Protein backbone atom coordinates (compact mmCIF):
# COMPACT_ATOMS: atom_id res chain seq x y z
CA MET A 1 0.00 0.00 0.00
CA ASP A 2 1.49 3.35 -1.04
CA LEU A 3 1.17 6.62 0.85
CA LYS A 4 -1.49 7.98 -1.49
CA ARG A 5 -3.72 5.01 -0.75
CA LEU A 6 -3.01 5.27 3.01
CA ARG A 7 -4.01 8.94 3.07
CA GLN A 8 -7.12 8.15 1.06
CA ILE A 9 -8.19 5.62 3.70
CA LEU A 10 -7.34 7.90 6.63
CA ASP A 11 -9.16 10.85 5.06
CA ARG A 12 -12.42 8.94 5.51
CA ALA A 13 -11.80 8.20 9.18
CA SER A 14 -13.09 11.35 10.88
CA SER A 15 -16.66 10.76 9.71
CA ARG A 16 -16.80 7.17 10.95
CA ARG A 17 -18.68 6.30 14.16
CA ILE A 18 -17.56 3.38 16.30
CA LEU A 19 -18.84 1.80 19.52
CA VAL A 20 -16.52 -0.10 21.87
CA ILE A 21 -18.01 -2.53 24.40
CA GLY A 22 -15.97 -4.30 27.07
CA ASP A 23 -14.00 -4.16 30.30
CA LEU A 24 -13.24 -0.60 31.39
CA MET A 25 -10.11 0.10 33.44
CA LEU A 26 -8.06 2.95 34.80
CA ASP A 27 -4.34 2.66 34.03
CA GLU A 28 -2.21 4.32 36.71
CA PHE A 29 1.50 4.94 36.18
CA ILE A 30 3.82 5.82 39.04
CA TRP A 31 7.09 7.16 37.69
CA GLY A 32 10.29 7.37 39.73
CA LYS A 33 13.93 6.48 40.11
CA VAL A 34 15.79 3.81 42.03
CA GLY A 35 18.63 4.98 44.23
CA ARG A 36 18.97 2.13 46.71
CA ILE A 37 17.83 -1.30 47.80
CA SER A 38 15.39 -1.53 50.67
CA PRO A 39 16.89 -2.55 54.04
CA GLU A 40 13.64 -4.42 54.73
CA ALA A 41 13.86 -6.81 51.77
CA PRO A 42 16.00 -7.30 48.62
CA VAL A 43 13.79 -5.00 46.51
CA PRO A 44 14.45 -1.58 44.95
CA VAL A 45 13.15 1.57 46.62
CA VAL A 46 11.40 3.71 44.01
CA GLU A 47 11.49 7.43 44.73
CA VAL A 48 8.31 8.74 43.10
CA THR A 49 8.64 11.78 40.83
CA ARG A 50 5.20 11.89 39.19
CA GLU A 51 1.99 10.01 38.55
CA SER A 52 -0.16 9.76 35.42
CA TYR A 53 -3.50 8.20 34.54
CA PHE A 54 -4.95 6.90 31.27
CA PRO A 55 -8.10 5.11 30.12
CA GLY A 56 -7.35 1.37 29.99
CA GLY A 57 -8.88 -1.81 28.60
CA ALA A 58 -11.85 -1.12 26.33
CA ALA A 59 -11.48 2.58 27.19
CA ASN A 60 -8.00 2.53 25.65
CA VAL A 61 -9.42 1.09 22.43
CA ALA A 62 -11.82 4.05 22.34
CA ARG A 63 -8.98 6.45 23.07
CA ASN A 64 -6.97 5.06 20.13
CA LEU A 65 -9.95 5.52 17.84
CA ARG A 66 -10.51 9.07 19.06
CA GLU A 67 -7.19 10.12 17.48
CA PHE A 68 -8.84 9.55 14.09
CA VAL A 69 -12.62 9.49 14.65
CA ASP A 70 -14.89 12.35 15.70
CA ARG A 71 -17.55 10.15 17.31
CA VAL A 72 -16.60 7.26 19.60
CA ALA A 73 -18.68 5.70 22.37
CA VAL A 74 -17.73 3.12 24.98
CA ILE A 75 -19.88 0.88 27.16
CA GLY A 76 -18.66 -1.02 30.21
CA LEU A 77 -18.95 -1.23 33.97
CA LEU A 78 -17.79 1.52 36.33
CA GLY A 79 -17.91 1.81 40.09
CA LYS A 80 -19.25 4.91 41.82
CA ASP A 81 -15.82 5.42 43.35
CA ARG A 82 -12.93 7.84 42.94
CA SER A 83 -11.29 5.72 40.22
CA GLY A 84 -14.56 5.45 38.31
CA GLN A 85 -15.05 9.21 38.46
CA GLN A 86 -11.45 9.74 37.36
CA LEU A 87 -11.92 7.43 34.38
CA ARG A 88 -15.15 9.21 33.42
CA GLU A 89 -13.35 12.56 33.54
CA LEU A 90 -10.48 11.27 31.40
CA LEU A 91 -12.91 9.93 28.80
CA GLY A 92 -14.82 13.19 28.92
CA LYS A 93 -11.67 15.16 28.19
CA CYS A 94 -11.12 12.89 25.18
CA LYS A 95 -14.73 13.59 24.09
CA ILE A 96 -15.60 9.90 24.23
CA ASP A 97 -19.29 9.19 24.83
CA VAL A 98 -19.91 7.22 28.05
CA SER A 99 -23.63 7.95 28.33
CA ASP A 100 -24.55 4.25 28.16
CA ALA A 101 -21.80 3.01 30.52
CA VAL A 102 -23.15 1.11 33.54
CA GLU A 103 -22.51 2.45 37.05
CA ASP A 104 -22.72 0.14 40.06
CA GLU A 105 -22.12 1.42 43.58
CA LYS A 106 -21.19 -2.11 44.71
CA PHE A 107 -18.51 -2.44 42.03
CA SER A 108 -14.92 -1.26 42.45
CA THR A 109 -13.53 0.21 39.24
CA ILE A 110 -10.68 -1.90 37.86
CA VAL A 111 -7.29 -0.21 38.30
CA LYS A 112 -3.94 -1.39 36.99
CA THR A 113 -1.01 0.37 38.64
CA ARG A 114 2.41 0.17 37.01
CA ILE A 115 5.50 1.41 38.83
CA ILE A 116 8.15 2.58 36.36
CA ALA A 117 11.76 3.36 37.27
CA ARG A 118 14.23 4.57 34.64
CA HIS A 119 11.99 3.39 31.79
CA GLN A 120 11.64 -0.10 33.28
CA GLN A 121 8.50 -1.53 34.84
CA VAL A 122 9.36 -2.61 38.39
CA VAL A 123 6.00 -4.12 39.31
CA ARG A 124 2.32 -4.05 38.36
CA VAL A 125 -0.47 -4.01 40.93
CA ASP A 126 -3.98 -5.01 39.83
CA ARG A 127 -7.09 -4.03 41.76
CA GLU A 128 -9.95 -5.90 40.21
CA LYS A 129 -13.05 -7.91 40.90
CA ILE A 130 -14.62 -10.19 38.31
CA ALA A 131 -18.25 -9.09 38.10
CA PRO A 132 -20.53 -10.51 35.38
CA PRO A 133 -23.50 -8.30 34.51
CA SER A 134 -26.93 -9.20 35.83
CA THR A 135 -29.76 -10.22 33.52
CA LYS A 136 -31.24 -6.76 34.05
CA VAL A 137 -27.98 -5.03 33.01
CA ILE A 138 -27.62 -7.26 29.93
CA ALA A 139 -31.14 -6.36 28.81
CA LYS A 140 -30.53 -2.66 29.47
CA VAL A 141 -27.23 -2.53 27.55
CA ALA A 142 -28.55 -4.61 24.64
CA ALA A 143 -31.58 -2.32 24.36
CA ALA A 144 -29.40 0.81 24.47
CA VAL A 145 -27.17 -0.52 21.69
CA ARG A 146 -30.17 -1.60 19.61
CA LYS A 147 -31.67 1.88 19.93
CA ARG A 148 -28.47 3.57 18.75
CA LEU A 149 -27.31 0.98 16.23
CA SER A 150 -27.95 3.23 13.25
CA ASP A 151 -25.56 5.77 14.80
CA PHE A 152 -22.54 3.47 14.38
CA ASP A 153 -20.54 2.03 11.50
CA ALA A 154 -18.86 -0.66 13.60
CA ILE A 155 -18.84 -2.31 17.02
CA ILE A 156 -15.72 -3.60 18.77
CA PHE A 157 -15.92 -6.12 21.62
CA GLU A 158 -12.86 -5.74 23.86
CA ASP A 159 -12.62 -8.68 26.28
CA TYR A 160 -10.08 -8.55 29.08
CA GLY A 161 -11.81 -11.41 30.88
CA LYS A 162 -13.09 -9.22 33.73
CA GLY A 163 -16.69 -10.31 33.36
CA PHE A 164 -18.59 -7.55 31.56
CA LEU A 165 -18.77 -9.34 28.22
CA ALA A 166 -21.18 -12.09 29.16
CA ALA A 167 -22.06 -14.59 26.43
CA ASP A 168 -25.71 -13.48 26.35
CA LEU A 169 -24.76 -9.82 26.01
CA VAL A 170 -22.39 -10.49 23.11
CA ALA A 171 -24.87 -12.78 21.37
CA GLN A 172 -27.73 -10.26 21.49
CA ILE A 173 -25.67 -7.28 20.34
CA ALA A 174 -23.81 -9.23 17.65
CA ARG A 175 -27.07 -10.61 16.25
CA ASP A 176 -28.60 -7.13 16.00
CA ALA A 177 -25.42 -5.65 14.51
CA ARG A 178 -25.12 -8.35 11.85
CA ALA A 179 -28.77 -7.91 10.92
CA ALA A 180 -28.05 -4.21 10.45
CA LYS A 181 -24.99 -5.13 8.31
CA LYS A 182 -22.53 -3.45 10.66
CA ILE A 183 -18.86 -4.37 10.95
CA VAL A 184 -18.39 -6.32 14.19
CA THR A 185 -14.94 -7.22 15.53
CA ALA A 186 -13.62 -8.76 18.72
CA ASP A 187 -10.43 -8.86 20.77
CA PRO A 188 -11.07 -12.12 22.68
CA ASN A 189 -9.97 -13.59 25.98
CA PRO A 190 -9.54 -17.38 25.85
CA HIS A 191 -10.58 -17.75 29.51
CA ASN A 192 -14.01 -16.32 28.70
CA PRO A 193 -15.91 -18.96 26.68
CA ILE A 194 -17.76 -16.70 24.26
CA ASP A 195 -18.97 -17.84 20.86
CA TRP A 196 -17.51 -15.32 18.41
CA SER A 197 -19.32 -16.90 15.46
CA GLY A 198 -20.27 -14.55 12.68
CA MET A 199 -17.88 -11.73 13.61
CA THR A 200 -16.38 -9.74 10.76
CA ALA A 201 -12.97 -10.21 12.36
CA VAL A 202 -11.39 -11.53 15.55
CA LYS A 203 -7.95 -10.49 16.84
CA PRO A 204 -6.29 -12.76 19.40
CA ASN A 205 -2.60 -12.62 20.27
CA ARG A 206 -0.47 -15.71 19.74
CA SER A 207 -1.01 -17.38 23.11
CA GLU A 208 -4.75 -16.58 23.02
CA ALA A 209 -5.03 -18.10 19.55
CA PHE A 210 -3.37 -21.36 20.57
CA LEU A 211 -5.47 -21.65 23.71
CA ALA A 212 -8.70 -20.97 21.82
CA ALA A 213 -7.75 -23.46 19.09
CA GLY A 214 -6.77 -26.13 21.64
CA ILE A 215 -3.34 -26.56 20.05
CA PRO A 216 -0.07 -26.68 22.06
CA ASP A 217 2.28 -23.79 21.29
CA ARG A 218 5.51 -25.72 20.78
CA ASP A 219 7.86 -23.08 19.37
CA ALA A 220 7.03 -19.38 19.69
CA ASP A 221 10.44 -18.39 18.28
CA LEU A 222 9.95 -20.18 14.98
CA ALA A 223 9.65 -17.91 11.93
CA PRO A 224 5.89 -17.43 11.37
CA LYS A 225 6.03 -18.57 7.75
CA LYS A 226 7.53 -21.88 8.90
CA ASP A 227 5.31 -22.27 11.95
CA VAL A 228 2.91 -25.01 10.89
CA ASP A 229 1.21 -24.97 14.31
CA LEU A 230 0.45 -21.25 13.98
CA VAL A 231 -1.05 -21.74 10.54
CA ARG A 232 -3.09 -24.69 11.81
CA ALA A 233 -4.35 -22.65 14.79
CA GLY A 234 -5.43 -19.86 12.46
CA LYS A 235 -7.35 -22.22 10.19
CA VAL A 236 -8.99 -23.91 13.19
CA LEU A 237 -10.18 -20.55 14.54
CA LEU A 238 -11.49 -19.37 11.16
CA GLU A 239 -13.65 -22.50 11.12
CA LYS A 240 -14.53 -22.48 14.83
CA TRP A 241 -15.58 -18.83 14.94
CA GLY A 242 -16.94 -18.62 11.41
CA THR A 243 -15.31 -15.23 11.07
CA GLN A 244 -14.34 -13.61 7.78
CA TYR A 245 -10.92 -12.48 8.96
CA LEU A 246 -8.53 -13.45 11.71
CA LEU A 247 -5.62 -11.26 12.80
CA ILE A 248 -3.12 -12.89 15.18
CA THR A 249 -0.67 -10.46 16.76
CA LEU A 250 2.78 -11.97 17.28
CA GLY A 251 4.70 -9.40 19.34
CA GLU A 252 8.17 -8.90 17.89
CA HIS A 253 7.19 -11.07 14.90
CA GLY A 254 4.44 -8.73 13.70
CA VAL A 255 1.05 -10.18 12.72
CA MET A 256 -0.37 -13.13 10.81
CA PHE A 257 -3.48 -12.40 8.77
CA PHE A 258 -5.96 -15.11 7.80
CA GLU A 259 -8.88 -14.90 5.39
CA LYS A 260 -11.24 -17.68 4.43
CA GLY A 261 -10.21 -19.47 1.25
CA LYS A 262 -6.87 -17.67 0.96
CA HIS A 263 -3.29 -18.28 2.01
CA PRO A 264 -2.30 -16.57 5.29
CA HIS A 265 -0.14 -13.44 5.13
CA HIS A 266 2.70 -12.75 7.55
CA LEU A 267 3.42 -9.05 8.10
CA PRO A 268 6.75 -8.53 9.94
CA THR A 269 6.81 -5.98 12.75
CA LYS A 270 7.57 -2.38 11.85
CA ALA A 271 8.71 -1.49 15.38
CA ARG A 272 12.08 0.24 15.57
CA ASP A 273 12.15 0.38 19.38
CA VAL A 274 10.15 -1.54 21.96
CA PHE A 275 9.69 0.21 25.31
CA ASP A 276 6.26 -0.95 26.46
CA VAL A 277 3.88 -3.49 24.91
CA SER A 278 0.93 -2.56 27.18
CA GLY A 279 -2.06 -1.58 25.07
CA ALA A 280 -0.57 -2.66 21.73
CA GLY A 281 -3.41 -5.12 21.18
CA ASP A 282 -5.92 -2.34 21.86
CA THR A 283 -4.34 -0.28 19.11
CA ALA A 284 -4.34 -3.21 16.69
CA ILE A 285 -8.06 -4.00 16.99
CA ALA A 286 -8.95 -0.29 16.94
CA MET A 287 -7.02 0.46 13.77
CA PHE A 288 -7.95 -2.75 11.98
CA THR A 289 -11.65 -2.08 12.57
CA LEU A 290 -11.37 1.60 11.68
CA ALA A 291 -9.59 0.78 8.42
CA LEU A 292 -12.37 -1.64 7.44
CA THR A 293 -14.97 1.08 8.00
CA CYS A 294 -12.90 3.34 5.73
CA ASP A 295 -13.18 0.85 2.86
CA ALA A 296 -9.66 -0.52 3.20
CA THR A 297 -9.19 -4.05 1.92
CA PRO A 298 -8.75 -6.59 4.75
CA LEU A 299 -5.03 -6.91 4.00
CA GLU A 300 -4.63 -3.11 3.95
CA ALA A 301 -6.41 -2.99 7.32
CA ALA A 302 -3.95 -5.57 8.67
CA GLN A 303 -1.02 -3.49 7.41
CA ILE A 304 -2.39 -0.37 9.09
CA ALA A 305 -2.93 -2.24 12.37
CA ASN A 306 0.61 -3.63 12.21
CA HIS A 307 2.18 -0.20 11.68
CA ALA A 308 0.02 1.41 14.37
CA SER A 309 1.02 -1.23 16.93
CA ALA A 310 4.67 -0.70 16.03
CA VAL A 311 4.34 2.98 16.90
CA VAL A 312 2.74 2.49 20.33
CA VAL A 313 5.25 -0.12 21.55
CA GLY A 314 7.91 2.53 21.06
CA LYS A 315 6.24 4.69 23.74
CA LEU A 316 6.11 4.29 27.49
CA GLY A 317 2.73 3.89 29.13
CA THR A 318 -0.70 3.25 27.67
CA ALA A 319 -0.22 5.03 24.36
CA THR A 320 -2.05 5.91 21.16
CA VAL A 321 -0.90 6.54 17.60
CA THR A 322 -1.60 9.74 15.66
CA ARG A 323 -2.23 10.14 11.96
CA ASP A 324 1.17 11.78 11.42
CA GLU A 325 2.96 8.99 13.32
CA LEU A 326 1.18 6.33 11.30
CA ILE A 327 2.06 7.98 8.00
CA SER A 328 5.66 8.42 9.19
CA SER A 329 5.88 4.70 9.98
CA PHE A 330 4.84 3.85 6.43
CA GLU A 331 7.29 6.43 5.04
CA HIS A 332 10.13 4.89 7.06
CA ASP A 333 9.16 1.46 5.72
CA PHE A 334 9.39 2.71 2.12
CA ASP A 335 12.74 4.37 2.83
């Protein structure tokens, strides 16, 4: 894909409207420096210099889309606590619609705290409670999506396995979206047994793909083109999920793209530096879906997702990619 074609696709993006549904989180980063080892235990003492907060999980998918799209909405579960309010405020500043998000005073908003010292993650602390939605909440969310379905060009299910994406909720929304001929994509979690049948596309990472396919991952370091197990897992999932496209992210090996009836394509990573892989999968599903709504071919969408992921892993923290950064990545590739 040349730069003219890339710009043509991206020029359509601002008018697209996308809904993200899934597990909402607050990503907290505590930045500092290590000057000594603790006298209490053989661990570093981090002297805190600053703190920062970003939308995480499904909210990070929405945040990635917002760099390109004027209208983005996200639906998930929030607690009526300080972290939930903070996440709402962050999404509000990004002009992301949270009007249909579910608030529960008994629920504690999921928070992931990463302590970073000299550009290295020292430890991550997760505060979370798995809380599946009630039958009443499922009906309420499904009805809200059904009412607004004509407002959106695509729906993304972002599953971090924290409970919000119940099988019944996904089935109802996916059925309505397919009937309305909307693009529907999913970033799955293999520990959440959801039937992703009929999705336009599904994007697992390598380990998720092997788990979902029920195939042992024998050699993750093998070149993707020679990895017969990877190819077999992809073909199994295409059949199992009945999806049109499958995009398996492979970390430092890029992505493998599968399409029914065609040979798989391996796209090597475009990353020049890797500082932090957190949120790279969020960027991949966001950009792949967005590209499809902008009339990119499936392979072009995979190329855009691959380049976008390469940009964000070169940043520290939960990051997004901008239009200029994405174009620059393609330019560097041509050079």
